[in-house]
């Protein structure tokens, strides 16, 4: 999922991974989530929906709402035409902010 358009999205999430499709409640689905949840607070589970976690229920809900907001914004932007991405140097600066946030 593109997070190279909105700085706040890049700071909040870094990148948002998308799992491969797996049957609901399957071991394959659980294993994919298990690996991603170690390093990501939000993810998309292909053909199923989104998953967000946090230190508590409130944080998980906020992450869900942020992901939904970013997804809607990107969808509308793409419908309106060309979407401008952030320059690579800005993304590197944002990655530094994310790293500092993670180390706190």
Protein backbone atom coordinates (compact mmCIF):
# COMPACT_ATOMS: atom_id res chain seq x y z
CA UNK A 1 0.00 0.00 0.00
CA UNK A 2 1.38 3.38 -0.96
CA UNK A 3 2.45 5.50 1.97
CA UNK A 4 4.68 7.74 -0.18
CA UNK A 5 2.00 10.37 -0.72
CA UNK A 6 0.95 11.61 2.72
CA UNK A 7 3.71 12.40 5.25
CA UNK A 8 1.50 11.61 8.23
CA UNK A 9 0.82 8.14 6.82
CA UNK A 10 4.51 7.45 6.29
CA UNK A 11 5.25 8.57 9.85
CA UNK A 12 2.38 6.62 11.41
CA UNK A 13 2.86 3.36 9.53
CA UNK A 14 6.05 3.29 7.52
CA UNK A 15 4.76 0.80 4.99
CA UNK A 16 1.58 -1.24 5.10
CA UNK A 17 2.14 -4.84 4.03
CA UNK A 18 -0.45 -6.94 2.22
CA UNK A 19 -0.56 -10.68 2.89
CA UNK A 20 -1.04 -13.28 0.20
CA UNK A 21 -4.52 -14.71 0.00
CA UNK A 22 -5.19 -17.60 2.36
CA UNK A 23 -8.34 -19.35 3.46
CA UNK A 24 -10.04 -17.85 6.53
CA UNK A 25 -8.82 -19.38 9.81
CA UNK A 26 -6.10 -21.32 7.99
CA UNK A 27 -2.61 -21.91 9.34
CA UNK A 28 -1.22 -20.13 6.28
CA UNK A 29 -3.21 -17.00 7.13
CA UNK A 30 -2.21 -17.16 10.81
CA UNK A 31 1.48 -17.62 9.94
CA UNK A 32 1.48 -14.64 7.57
CA UNK A 33 -0.12 -12.44 10.21
CA UNK A 34 2.19 -13.78 12.93
CA UNK A 35 5.28 -12.72 10.98
CA UNK A 36 4.00 -9.28 9.98
CA UNK A 37 2.57 -8.35 13.37
CA UNK A 38 6.09 -8.43 14.81
CA UNK A 39 7.08 -5.35 12.81
CA UNK A 40 3.84 -3.66 11.71
CA UNK A 41 0.92 -2.13 13.59
CA UNK A 42 -1.37 -2.32 10.55
CA UNK A 43 -1.66 -4.66 7.60
CA UNK A 44 -4.08 -5.66 4.90
CA UNK A 45 -5.12 -9.27 4.68
CA UNK A 46 -5.78 -9.89 1.00
CA UNK A 47 -9.46 -10.48 0.23
CA UNK A 48 -10.32 -10.29 3.95
CA UNK A 49 -9.74 -6.75 5.25
CA UNK A 50 -7.42 -4.88 7.55
CA UNK A 51 -5.85 -5.71 10.88
CA UNK A 52 -4.55 -3.13 13.34
CA UNK A 53 -2.91 -3.61 16.71
CA UNK A 54 -1.70 -1.31 19.45
CA UNK A 55 -0.48 -1.22 23.03
CA UNK A 56 -4.14 -1.15 24.05
CA UNK A 57 -7.58 -1.19 22.47
CA UNK A 58 -7.68 2.59 22.03
CA UNK A 59 -4.39 2.61 20.11
CA UNK A 60 -5.55 -0.26 17.90
CA UNK A 61 -8.76 1.65 17.11
CA UNK A 62 -6.81 4.82 16.29
CA UNK A 63 -4.55 2.81 13.95
CA UNK A 64 -7.62 1.34 12.25
CA UNK A 65 -9.14 4.79 11.78
CA UNK A 66 -5.86 6.22 10.46
CA UNK A 67 -5.51 3.41 7.93
CA UNK A 68 -9.11 3.89 6.80
CA UNK A 69 -8.61 7.66 6.43
CA UNK A 70 -5.39 7.27 4.44
CA UNK A 71 -6.98 4.61 2.22
CA UNK A 72 -9.96 6.84 1.44
CA UNK A 73 -7.73 9.84 0.75
CA UNK A 74 -5.52 7.85 -1.64
CA UNK A 75 -8.54 6.35 -3.41
CA UNK A 76 -10.09 9.77 -4.00
CA UNK A 77 -6.75 11.22 -5.12
CA UNK A 78 -6.30 8.42 -7.66
CA UNK A 79 -9.84 8.96 -8.95
CA UNK A 80 -9.09 12.65 -9.51
CA UNK A 81 -6.00 11.96 -11.57
CA UNK A 82 -2.26 11.83 -11.09
CA UNK A 83 -1.11 11.35 -7.52
CA UNK A 84 2.08 13.18 -6.58
CA UNK A 85 4.49 11.17 -4.49
CA UNK A 86 6.91 12.55 -1.95
CA UNK A 87 10.52 12.93 -3.14
CA UNK A 88 12.91 10.17 -2.06
CA UNK A 89 14.92 12.55 0.15
CA UNK A 90 11.72 13.47 2.02
CA UNK A 91 10.86 9.79 2.45
CA UNK A 92 14.34 9.21 3.89
CA UNK A 93 13.82 12.06 6.36
CA UNK A 94 10.44 10.59 7.29
CA UNK A 95 12.04 7.17 7.74
CA UNK A 96 14.43 8.81 10.21
CA UNK A 97 11.48 10.22 12.14
CA UNK A 98 9.85 6.78 12.19
CA UNK A 99 13.10 5.19 13.41
CA UNK A 100 13.42 7.75 16.21
CA UNK A 101 9.78 7.14 17.15
CA UNK A 102 10.41 3.38 17.27
CA UNK A 103 13.48 3.77 19.49
CA UNK A 104 11.59 5.77 22.12
